[in-house]
Amino acid sequence: MDRVSSSEEPPTAKISSIFIYPIKSCRGISVSQASISLTGFRWDRQWLVVNSKGRAYTKRVEPKLALVEVELPKDAFTDGWKPTKSSYLVVRALGMDDLNVCLGKQCAKADGVSIWEWSGSTLDEGDEASKWFSTYLRKPSRLVRFNAVSETRAVDPKFAPGFKVMFSDGYPFLLISQVPTINQENGIAGSEPDETLKEFRSDKVLRPNKKQQGKVYLGQNLVCQESLTEGKGKTISVGDCVYVFSKASSAAEAAA
């Protein structure tokens, strides 16, 4: 996909909402704009909760993660913003004190972390974060951050050569059409799928069944051309148009 079309083709879609999930499997943050990085949206799935062996937790294994709220400084979503030692990722959950993770501190390396097909070195957010998630999940856990300096996790080169991700499920972006729910009593359009996406990224919304197909446009494995280059001024905002240049039902079809 891209934000700008070089032809006179009409846009595929217009962006109505943007969600970023800083900690994989925890709740998302609704934002009005987001910077495009080499791995997708900036801040998206940079952190991961792992078990005592360094293996990633997901909501499929630990559904309580869906109740964990995450907050970043509002300026973090503006182009060119840089964290300081007074900038924090704030983590909240019912019955727990807030966890403040400094965005500007030096972190120790944690080797042997794995998620899906990838394993490598990450940055450990420390004992306080470990104690928080261990208490919340009632089992030994640690919070780690992707080490972009030393590690690379490439998108399937058969599908999208040159693109890469952090802790996303293989691809940097996902695009879904918004089919509003209608209150049968007053005829007012509801807020779905926004609320579901913000809190759960529900499979019922993101992987439509046969009845939903045709109503929902799903770009599950999506890349953006502008992710291949660094530089300022690359942001996506609510209201922007999206142009989809090519589609494939599978990586095998794309390779053909």
C-alpha atoms as a PDB file:
ATOM      1  CA  MET A   1       0.000   0.000   0.000  1.00  0.00           C
ATOM      2  CA  ASP A   2       0.962   3.666  -0.148  1.00  0.00           C
ATOM      3  CA  ARG A   3      -0.450   7.027   0.900  1.00  0.00           C
ATOM      4  CA  VAL A   4       0.154   8.654  -2.485  1.00  0.00           C
ATOM      5  CA  SER A   5      -0.810   7.287  -5.878  1.00  0.00           C
ATOM      6  CA  SER A   6       1.243   7.983  -8.993  1.00  0.00           C
ATOM      7  CA  SER A   7      -1.795   7.389 -11.198  1.00  0.00           C
ATOM      8  CA  GLU A   8      -5.332   8.735 -11.357  1.00  0.00           C
ATOM      9  CA  GLU A   9      -6.791   5.590  -9.827  1.00  0.00           C
ATOM     10  CA  PRO A  10      -9.290   6.253  -7.016  1.00  0.00           C
ATOM     11  CA  PRO A  11      -8.135   5.368  -3.484  1.00  0.00           C
ATOM     12  CA  THR A  12      -8.860   1.907  -2.131  1.00  0.00           C
ATOM     13  CA  ALA A  13      -9.885   3.270   1.262  1.00  0.00           C
ATOM     14  CA  LYS A  14      -9.806   6.274   3.566  1.00  0.00           C
ATOM     15  CA  ILE A  15      -8.420   5.828   7.059  1.00  0.00           C
ATOM     16  CA  SER A  16     -11.061   6.280   9.768  1.00  0.00           C
ATOM     17  CA  SER A  17      -8.982   5.164  12.768  1.00  0.00           C
ATOM     18  CA  ILE A  18      -5.461   4.081  13.686  1.00  0.00           C
ATOM     19  CA  PHE A  19      -4.508   1.679  16.475  1.00  0.00           C
ATOM     20  CA  ILE A  20      -1.032   0.998  17.812  1.00  0.00           C
ATOM     21  CA  TYR A  21      -0.192  -1.889  20.146  1.00  0.00           C
ATOM     22  CA  PRO A  22       3.115  -1.064  21.920  1.00  0.00           C
ATOM     23  CA  ILE A  23       3.151  -4.325  23.936  1.00  0.00           C
ATOM     24  CA  LYS A  24       2.188  -7.323  21.851  1.00  0.00           C
ATOM     25  CA  SER A  25      -1.129  -8.867  22.980  1.00  0.00           C
ATOM     26  CA  CYS A  26      -2.004  -5.967  25.323  1.00  0.00           C
ATOM     27  CA  ARG A  27      -4.593  -3.280  24.593  1.00  0.00           C
ATOM     28  CA  GLY A  28      -4.041  -0.854  21.768  1.00  0.00           C
ATOM     29  CA  ILE A  29      -3.892   2.934  21.681  1.00  0.00           C
ATOM     30  CA  SER A  30      -6.162   4.927  19.365  1.00  0.00           C
ATOM     31  CA  VAL A  31      -4.229   7.792  17.734  1.00  0.00           C
ATOM     32  CA  SER A  32      -5.000  10.460  15.147  1.00  0.00           C
ATOM     33  CA  GLN A  33      -1.670  10.017  13.368  1.00  0.00           C
ATOM     34  CA  ALA A  34       1.289   7.661  13.401  1.00  0.00           C
ATOM     35  CA  SER A  35       4.820   7.847  12.067  1.00  0.00           C
ATOM     36  CA  ILE A  36       5.897   5.215   9.550  1.00  0.00           C
ATOM     37  CA  SER A  37       9.127   3.429  10.436  1.00  0.00           C
ATOM     38  CA  LEU A  38      11.151   0.689   8.751  1.00  0.00           C
ATOM     39  CA  THR A  39       9.133  -1.902  10.710  1.00  0.00           C
ATOM     40  CA  GLY A  40       5.626  -0.443  10.474  1.00  0.00           C
ATOM     41  CA  PHE A  41       4.084   2.164  12.754  1.00  0.00           C
ATOM     42  CA  ARG A  42       6.519   3.590  15.272  1.00  0.00           C
ATOM     43  CA  TRP A  43       6.015   2.031  18.726  1.00  0.00           C
ATOM     44  CA  ASP A  44       3.889  -0.806  17.366  1.00  0.00           C
ATOM     45  CA  ARG A  45       4.740  -4.139  19.023  1.00  0.00           C
ATOM     46  CA  GLN A  46       8.167  -3.033  20.219  1.00  0.00           C
ATOM     47  CA  TRP A  47       7.647  -4.830  23.547  1.00  0.00           C
ATOM     48  CA  LEU A  48       6.886  -8.427  24.356  1.00  0.00           C
ATOM     49  CA  VAL A  49       6.031 -10.345  27.538  1.00  0.00           C
ATOM     50  CA  VAL A  50       7.928 -13.640  27.784  1.00  0.00           C
ATOM     51  CA  ASN A  51       8.007 -16.603  30.154  1.00  0.00           C
ATOM     52  CA  SER A  52      10.963 -17.868  32.189  1.00  0.00           C
ATOM     53  CA  LYS A  53      12.400 -19.561  29.099  1.00  0.00           C
ATOM     54  CA  GLY A  54      12.141 -16.438  26.945  1.00  0.00           C
ATOM     55  CA  ARG A  55       9.201 -17.700  24.920  1.00  0.00           C
ATOM     56  CA  ALA A  56       6.588 -15.099  23.949  1.00  0.00           C
ATOM     57  CA  TYR A  57       3.177 -14.942  25.581  1.00  0.00           C
ATOM     58  CA  THR A  58       0.200 -14.216  23.330  1.00  0.00           C
ATOM     59  CA  LYS A  59      -3.471 -13.706  24.162  1.00  0.00           C
ATOM     60  CA  ARG A  60      -4.146 -17.231  22.958  1.00  0.00           C
ATOM     61  CA  VAL A  61      -2.045 -18.500  25.872  1.00  0.00           C
ATOM     62  CA  GLU A  62      -2.544 -15.652  28.366  1.00  0.00           C
ATOM     63  CA  PRO A  63      -5.906 -13.957  27.657  1.00  0.00           C
ATOM     64  CA  LYS A  64      -5.441 -11.692  30.722  1.00  0.00           C
ATOM     65  CA  LEU A  65      -3.013  -9.647  28.630  1.00  0.00           C
ATOM     66  CA  ALA A  66      -6.041  -8.271  26.779  1.00  0.00           C
ATOM     67  CA  LEU A  67      -6.951  -6.381  29.963  1.00  0.00           C
ATOM     68  CA  VAL A  68      -3.575  -4.630  30.263  1.00  0.00           C
ATOM     69  CA  GLU A  69      -3.767  -0.951  29.256  1.00  0.00           C
ATOM     70  CA  VAL A  70      -0.771   0.830  27.787  1.00  0.00           C
ATOM     71  CA  GLU A  71      -0.079   4.558  27.571  1.00  0.00           C
ATOM     72  CA  LEU A  72       2.664   6.539  25.835  1.00  0.00           C
ATOM     73  CA  PRO A  73       3.338  10.304  25.964  1.00  0.00           C
ATOM     74  CA  LYS A  74       1.027  12.109  23.533  1.00  0.00           C
ATOM     75  CA  ASP A  75       4.012  13.645  21.757  1.00  0.00           C
ATOM     76  CA  ALA A  76       5.385  10.169  21.074  1.00  0.00           C
ATOM     77  CA  PHE A  77       3.147   9.932  18.015  1.00  0.00           C
ATOM     78  CA  THR A  78       4.397  13.139  16.421  1.00  0.00           C
ATOM     79  CA  ASP A  79       7.036  13.008  13.715  1.00  0.00           C
ATOM     80  CA  GLY A  80      10.606  13.292  14.988  1.00  0.00           C
ATOM     81  CA  TRP A  81       9.821  12.990  18.719  1.00  0.00           C
ATOM     82  CA  LYS A  82      12.633  11.547  20.827  1.00  0.00           C
ATOM     83  CA  PRO A  83      12.219  10.111  24.344  1.00  0.00           C
ATOM     84  CA  THR A  84      14.112  11.419  27.370  1.00  0.00           C
ATOM     85  CA  LYS A  85      14.819   9.968  30.805  1.00  0.00           C
ATOM     86  CA  SER A  86      11.509  11.492  31.948  1.00  0.00           C
ATOM     87  CA  SER A  87       9.479   9.771  29.209  1.00  0.00           C
ATOM     88  CA  TYR A  88       7.589   6.646  30.197  1.00  0.00           C
ATOM     89  CA  LEU A  89       5.571   3.759  28.864  1.00  0.00           C
ATOM     90  CA  VAL A  90       2.817   3.385  31.477  1.00  0.00           C
ATOM     91  CA  VAL A  91       1.240  -0.041  32.019  1.00  0.00           C
ATOM     92  CA  ARG A  92      -2.023  -0.476  33.963  1.00  0.00           C
ATOM     93  CA  ALA A  93      -4.299  -3.324  34.994  1.00  0.00           C
ATOM     94  CA  LEU A  94      -7.116  -3.758  37.511  1.00  0.00           C
ATOM     95  CA  GLY A  95      -5.789  -4.399  41.007  1.00  0.00           C
ATOM     96  CA  MET A  96      -2.210  -3.471  40.082  1.00  0.00           C
ATOM     97  CA  ASP A  97      -0.140  -0.347  40.717  1.00  0.00           C
ATOM     98  CA  ASP A  98       0.926   1.488  37.569  1.00  0.00           C
ATOM     99  CA  LEU A  99       4.161   0.295  36.004  1.00  0.00           C
ATOM    100  CA  ASN A 100       6.344   3.082  34.603  1.00  0.00           C
ATOM    101  CA  VAL A 101       8.888   1.924  32.040  1.00  0.00           C
ATOM    102  CA  CYS A 102      11.470   4.602  31.202  1.00  0.00           C
ATOM    103  CA  LEU A 103      11.849   5.089  27.454  1.00  0.00           C
ATOM    104  CA  GLY A 104      15.245   6.767  27.736  1.00  0.00           C
ATOM    105  CA  LYS A 105      17.204   4.336  29.890  1.00  0.00           C
ATOM    106  CA  GLN A 106      19.904   1.845  28.922  1.00  0.00           C
ATOM    107  CA  CYS A 107      18.719  -1.758  29.125  1.00  0.00           C
ATOM    108  CA  ALA A 108      20.634  -4.994  29.604  1.00  0.00           C
ATOM    109  CA  LYS A 109      20.536  -7.550  26.815  1.00  0.00           C
ATOM    110  CA  ALA A 110      18.377 -10.643  27.148  1.00  0.00           C
ATOM    111  CA  ASP A 111      19.399 -13.483  24.838  1.00  0.00           C
ATOM    112  CA  GLY A 112      17.347 -16.499  23.817  1.00  0.00           C
ATOM    113  CA  VAL A 113      13.998 -14.732  23.340  1.00  0.00           C
ATOM    114  CA  SER A 114      11.724 -16.357  20.760  1.00  0.00           C
ATOM    115  CA  ILE A 115       8.425 -15.674  19.022  1.00  0.00           C
ATOM    116  CA  TRP A 116       7.057 -17.815  16.225  1.00  0.00           C
ATOM    117  CA  GLU A 117       9.924 -18.511  13.804  1.00  0.00           C
ATOM    118  CA  TRP A 118      12.297 -15.879  15.250  1.00  0.00           C
ATOM    119  CA  SER A 119      14.765 -16.042  18.118  1.00  0.00           C
ATOM    120  CA  GLY A 120      17.447 -13.592  19.140  1.00  0.00           C
ATOM    121  CA  SER A 121      18.651 -10.923  21.532  1.00  0.00           C
ATOM    122  CA  THR A 122      16.309  -8.340  23.100  1.00  0.00           C
ATOM    123  CA  LEU A 123      16.511  -5.554  25.678  1.00  0.00           C
ATOM    124  CA  ASP A 124      15.286  -6.472  29.174  1.00  0.00           C
ATOM    125  CA  GLU A 125      13.174  -3.782  30.873  1.00  0.00           C
ATOM    126  CA  GLY A 126      14.360  -4.809  34.323  1.00  0.00           C
ATOM    127  CA  ASP A 127      13.263  -6.432  37.561  1.00  0.00           C
ATOM    128  CA  GLU A 128      10.441  -4.008  38.355  1.00  0.00           C
ATOM    129  CA  ALA A 129       8.696  -4.792  35.061  1.00  0.00           C
ATOM    130  CA  SER A 130       9.384  -8.491  35.568  1.00  0.00           C
ATOM    131  CA  LYS A 131       7.822  -8.425  39.047  1.00  0.00           C
ATOM    132  CA  TRP A 132       4.759  -6.551  37.734  1.00  0.00           C
ATOM    133  CA  PHE A 133       3.972  -9.042  34.967  1.00  0.00           C
ATOM    134  CA  SER A 134       4.935 -12.042  37.115  1.00  0.00           C
ATOM    135  CA  THR A 135       2.470 -10.896  39.774  1.00  0.00           C
ATOM    136  CA  TYR A 136      -0.253 -10.128  37.249  1.00  0.00           C
ATOM    137  CA  LEU A 137       0.071 -13.422  35.338  1.00  0.00           C
ATOM    138  CA  ARG A 138       0.988 -15.420  38.473  1.00  0.00           C
ATOM    139  CA  LYS A 139       3.995 -17.001  36.799  1.00  0.00           C
ATOM    140  CA  PRO A 140       7.602 -15.907  36.121  1.00  0.00           C
ATOM    141  CA  SER A 141       7.567 -13.328  33.322  1.00  0.00           C
ATOM    142  CA  ARG A 142       9.706 -10.570  31.864  1.00  0.00           C
ATOM    143  CA  LEU A 143       9.065  -7.546  29.654  1.00  0.00           C
ATOM    144  CA  VAL A 144      11.529  -7.216  26.777  1.00  0.00           C
ATOM    145  CA  ARG A 145      11.973  -4.747  23.940  1.00  0.00           C
ATOM    146  CA  PHE A 146      13.069  -5.481  20.387  1.00  0.00           C
ATOM    147  CA  ASN A 147      16.761  -4.737  19.917  1.00  0.00           C
ATOM    148  CA  ALA A 148      16.710  -2.900  16.599  1.00  0.00           C
ATOM    149  CA  VAL A 149      20.447  -2.183  16.787  1.00  0.00           C
ATOM    150  CA  SER A 150      21.558  -5.799  16.595  1.00  0.00           C
ATOM    151  CA  GLU A 151      18.513  -7.740  15.373  1.00  0.00           C
ATOM    152  CA  THR A 152      16.462  -7.945  12.167  1.00  0.00           C
ATOM    153  CA  ARG A 153      13.239  -9.863  11.612  1.00  0.00           C
ATOM    154  CA  ALA A 154      12.456  -9.970   7.911  1.00  0.00           C
ATOM    155  CA  VAL A 155       9.058 -10.282   6.277  1.00  0.00           C
ATOM    156  CA  ASP A 156       8.714 -13.383   4.107  1.00  0.00           C
ATOM    157  CA  PRO A 157      10.934 -12.477   1.109  1.00  0.00           C
ATOM    158  CA  LYS A 158       8.698 -14.481  -1.230  1.00  0.00           C
ATOM    159  CA  PHE A 159       5.878 -12.092  -0.405  1.00  0.00           C
ATOM    160  CA  ALA A 160       7.527  -8.738   0.312  1.00  0.00           C
ATOM    161  CA  PRO A 161      11.325  -8.678  -0.052  1.00  0.00           C
ATOM    162  CA  GLY A 162      13.125  -5.904   1.815  1.00  0.00           C
ATOM    163  CA  PHE A 163      10.476  -5.315   4.487  1.00  0.00           C
ATOM    164  CA  LYS A 164      10.897  -6.150   8.178  1.00  0.00           C
ATOM    165  CA  VAL A 165       8.999  -6.139  11.489  1.00  0.00           C
ATOM    166  CA  MET A 166       9.580  -6.234  15.239  1.00  0.00           C
ATOM    167  CA  PHE A 167       7.157  -8.457  17.208  1.00  0.00           C
ATOM    168  CA  SER A 168       4.218  -8.311  14.770  1.00  0.00           C
ATOM    169  CA  ASP A 169       2.820 -11.546  13.381  1.00  0.00           C
ATOM    170  CA  GLY A 170       4.960 -11.523  10.260  1.00  0.00           C
ATOM    171  CA  TYR A 171       3.851  -8.281   8.552  1.00  0.00           C
ATOM    172  CA  PRO A 172       3.977  -4.599   9.590  1.00  0.00           C
ATOM    173  CA  PHE A 173       0.439  -3.371   8.803  1.00  0.00           C
ATOM    174  CA  LEU A 174      -3.153  -4.597   8.841  1.00  0.00           C
ATOM    175  CA  LEU A 175      -6.030  -2.862   7.086  1.00  0.00           C
ATOM    176  CA  ILE A 176      -9.680  -3.646   7.806  1.00  0.00           C
ATOM    177  CA  SER A 177     -12.818  -1.958   6.534  1.00  0.00           C
ATOM    178  CA  GLN A 178     -15.212  -0.462   9.045  1.00  0.00           C
ATOM    179  CA  VAL A 179     -18.673  -1.980   8.770  1.00  0.00           C
ATOM    180  CA  PRO A 180     -20.691  -0.126  11.426  1.00  0.00           C
ATOM    181  CA  THR A 181     -23.090  -1.919  13.720  1.00  0.00           C
ATOM    182  CA  ILE A 182     -26.584  -0.433  13.891  1.00  0.00           C
ATOM    183  CA  ASN A 183     -28.609  -0.144  17.083  1.00  0.00           C
ATOM    184  CA  GLN A 184     -31.929  -1.734  16.130  1.00  0.00           C
ATOM    185  CA  GLU A 185     -33.860   0.451  18.563  1.00  0.00           C
ATOM    186  CA  ASN A 186     -32.668   3.911  17.553  1.00  0.00           C
ATOM    187  CA  GLY A 187     -30.943   3.318  14.201  1.00  0.00           C
ATOM    188  CA  ILE A 188     -27.680   4.936  15.383  1.00  0.00           C
ATOM    189  CA  ALA A 189     -24.415   3.512  14.066  1.00  0.00           C
ATOM    190  CA  GLY A 190     -22.258   1.872  16.713  1.00  0.00           C
ATOM    191  CA  SER A 191     -18.530   2.147  17.263  1.00  0.00           C
ATOM    192  CA  GLU A 192     -17.506  -1.330  16.139  1.00  0.00           C
ATOM    193  CA  PRO A 193     -15.020  -2.494  15.104  1.00  0.00           C
ATOM    194  CA  ASP A 194     -13.084   0.361  16.746  1.00  0.00           C
ATOM    195  CA  GLU A 195     -13.722  -0.692  20.352  1.00  0.00           C
ATOM    196  CA  THR A 196     -12.962  -4.345  19.647  1.00  0.00           C
ATOM    197  CA  LEU A 197      -9.751  -3.452  17.822  1.00  0.00           C
ATOM    198  CA  LYS A 198      -8.663  -1.113  20.606  1.00  0.00           C
ATOM    199  CA  GLU A 199      -9.126  -3.675  23.342  1.00  0.00           C
ATOM    200  CA  PHE A 200      -8.778  -7.129  21.871  1.00  0.00           C
ATOM    201  CA  ARG A 201      -7.864  -7.189  18.150  1.00  0.00           C
ATOM    202  CA  SER A 202     -10.521  -9.888  18.043  1.00  0.00           C
ATOM    203  CA  ASP A 203     -10.273 -12.727  15.554  1.00  0.00           C
ATOM    204  CA  LYS A 204     -14.027 -12.350  15.013  1.00  0.00           C
ATOM    205  CA  VAL A 205     -13.352  -8.927  13.515  1.00  0.00           C
ATOM    206  CA  LEU A 206     -10.028  -9.573  11.831  1.00  0.00           C
ATOM    207  CA  ARG A 207     -10.742 -12.989  10.350  1.00  0.00           C
ATOM    208  CA  PRO A 208     -14.264 -12.779   8.913  1.00  0.00           C
ATOM    209  CA  ASN A 209     -16.382 -15.869   8.447  1.00  0.00           C
ATOM    210  CA  LYS A 210     -18.237 -16.686   5.237  1.00  0.00           C
ATOM    211  CA  LYS A 211     -21.198 -14.480   6.190  1.00  0.00           C
ATOM    212  CA  GLN A 212     -18.908 -11.500   6.788  1.00  0.00           C
ATOM    213  CA  GLN A 213     -16.772 -11.968   3.691  1.00  0.00           C
ATOM    214  CA  GLY A 214     -17.617  -9.418   1.037  1.00  0.00           C
ATOM    215  CA  LYS A 215     -18.447  -6.829   3.707  1.00  0.00           C
ATOM    216  CA  VAL A 216     -14.992  -6.732   5.276  1.00  0.00           C
ATOM    217  CA  TYR A 217     -11.856  -5.805   3.339  1.00  0.00           C
ATOM    218  CA  LEU A 218      -8.962  -7.475   5.128  1.00  0.00           C
ATOM    219  CA  GLY A 219      -5.322  -6.712   4.366  1.00  0.00           C
ATOM    220  CA  GLN A 220      -3.808  -8.998   6.966  1.00  0.00           C
ATOM    221  CA  ASN A 221      -0.362  -9.206   5.348  1.00  0.00           C
ATOM    222  CA  LEU A 222       0.200  -5.584   4.417  1.00  0.00           C
ATOM    223  CA  VAL A 223       3.350  -3.594   3.711  1.00  0.00           C
ATOM    224  CA  CYS A 224       3.824   0.088   2.900  1.00  0.00           C
ATOM    225  CA  GLN A 225       6.251   1.286   0.239  1.00  0.00           C
ATOM    226  CA  GLU A 226       7.302   4.240   2.371  1.00  0.00           C
ATOM    227  CA  SER A 227       8.598   1.873   5.075  1.00  0.00           C
ATOM    228  CA  LEU A 228      11.638   1.098   2.924  1.00  0.00           C
ATOM    229  CA  THR A 229      13.193   4.542   3.382  1.00  0.00           C
ATOM    230  CA  GLU A 230      14.072   6.521   6.487  1.00  0.00           C
ATOM    231  CA  GLY A 231      13.390  10.210   7.006  1.00  0.00           C
ATOM    232  CA  LYS A 232      11.012  12.711   8.548  1.00  0.00           C
ATOM    233  CA  GLY A 233       7.562  13.629   7.319  1.00  0.00           C
ATOM    234  CA  LYS A 234       6.350  10.067   6.856  1.00  0.00           C
ATOM    235  CA  THR A 235       3.140   9.867   8.834  1.00  0.00           C
ATOM    236  CA  ILE A 236      -0.307   8.381   8.301  1.00  0.00           C
ATOM    237  CA  SER A 237      -3.250  10.344   9.675  1.00  0.00           C
ATOM    238  CA  VAL A 238      -6.945   9.706  10.104  1.00  0.00           C
ATOM    239  CA  GLY A 239      -8.581  10.947   6.904  1.00  0.00           C
ATOM    240  CA  ASP A 240      -5.680   9.962   4.620  1.00  0.00           C
ATOM    241  CA  CYS A 241      -6.397   7.937   1.507  1.00  0.00           C
ATOM    242  CA  VAL A 242      -4.842   4.501   1.022  1.00  0.00           C
ATOM    243  CA  TYR A 243      -3.937   3.035  -2.370  1.00  0.00           C
ATOM    244  CA  VAL A 244      -3.479  -0.735  -2.659  1.00  0.00           C
ATOM    245  CA  PHE A 245      -1.243  -1.472  -5.645  1.00  0.00           C
ATOM    246  CA  SER A 246      -1.368  -5.259  -5.631  1.00  0.00           C
ATOM    247  CA  LYS A 247      -3.153  -8.053  -3.764  1.00  0.00           C
ATOM    248  CA  ALA A 248      -2.412 -11.753  -3.323  1.00  0.00           C
ATOM    249  CA  SER A 249      -4.246 -14.456  -1.434  1.00  0.00           C
ATOM    250  CA  SER A 250      -1.005 -16.086  -0.269  1.00  0.00           C
ATOM    251  CA  ALA A 251       2.758 -15.726  -0.325  1.00  0.00           C
ATOM    252  CA  ALA A 252       2.889 -18.499  -2.913  1.00  0.00           C
ATOM    253  CA  GLU A 253       0.628 -16.545  -5.249  1.00  0.00           C
ATOM    254  CA  ALA A 254       2.655 -13.380  -4.723  1.00  0.00           C
ATOM    255  CA  ALA A 255       5.852 -15.184  -5.658  1.00  0.00           C
ATOM    256  CA  ALA A 256       4.285 -16.320  -8.932  1.00  0.00           C
END
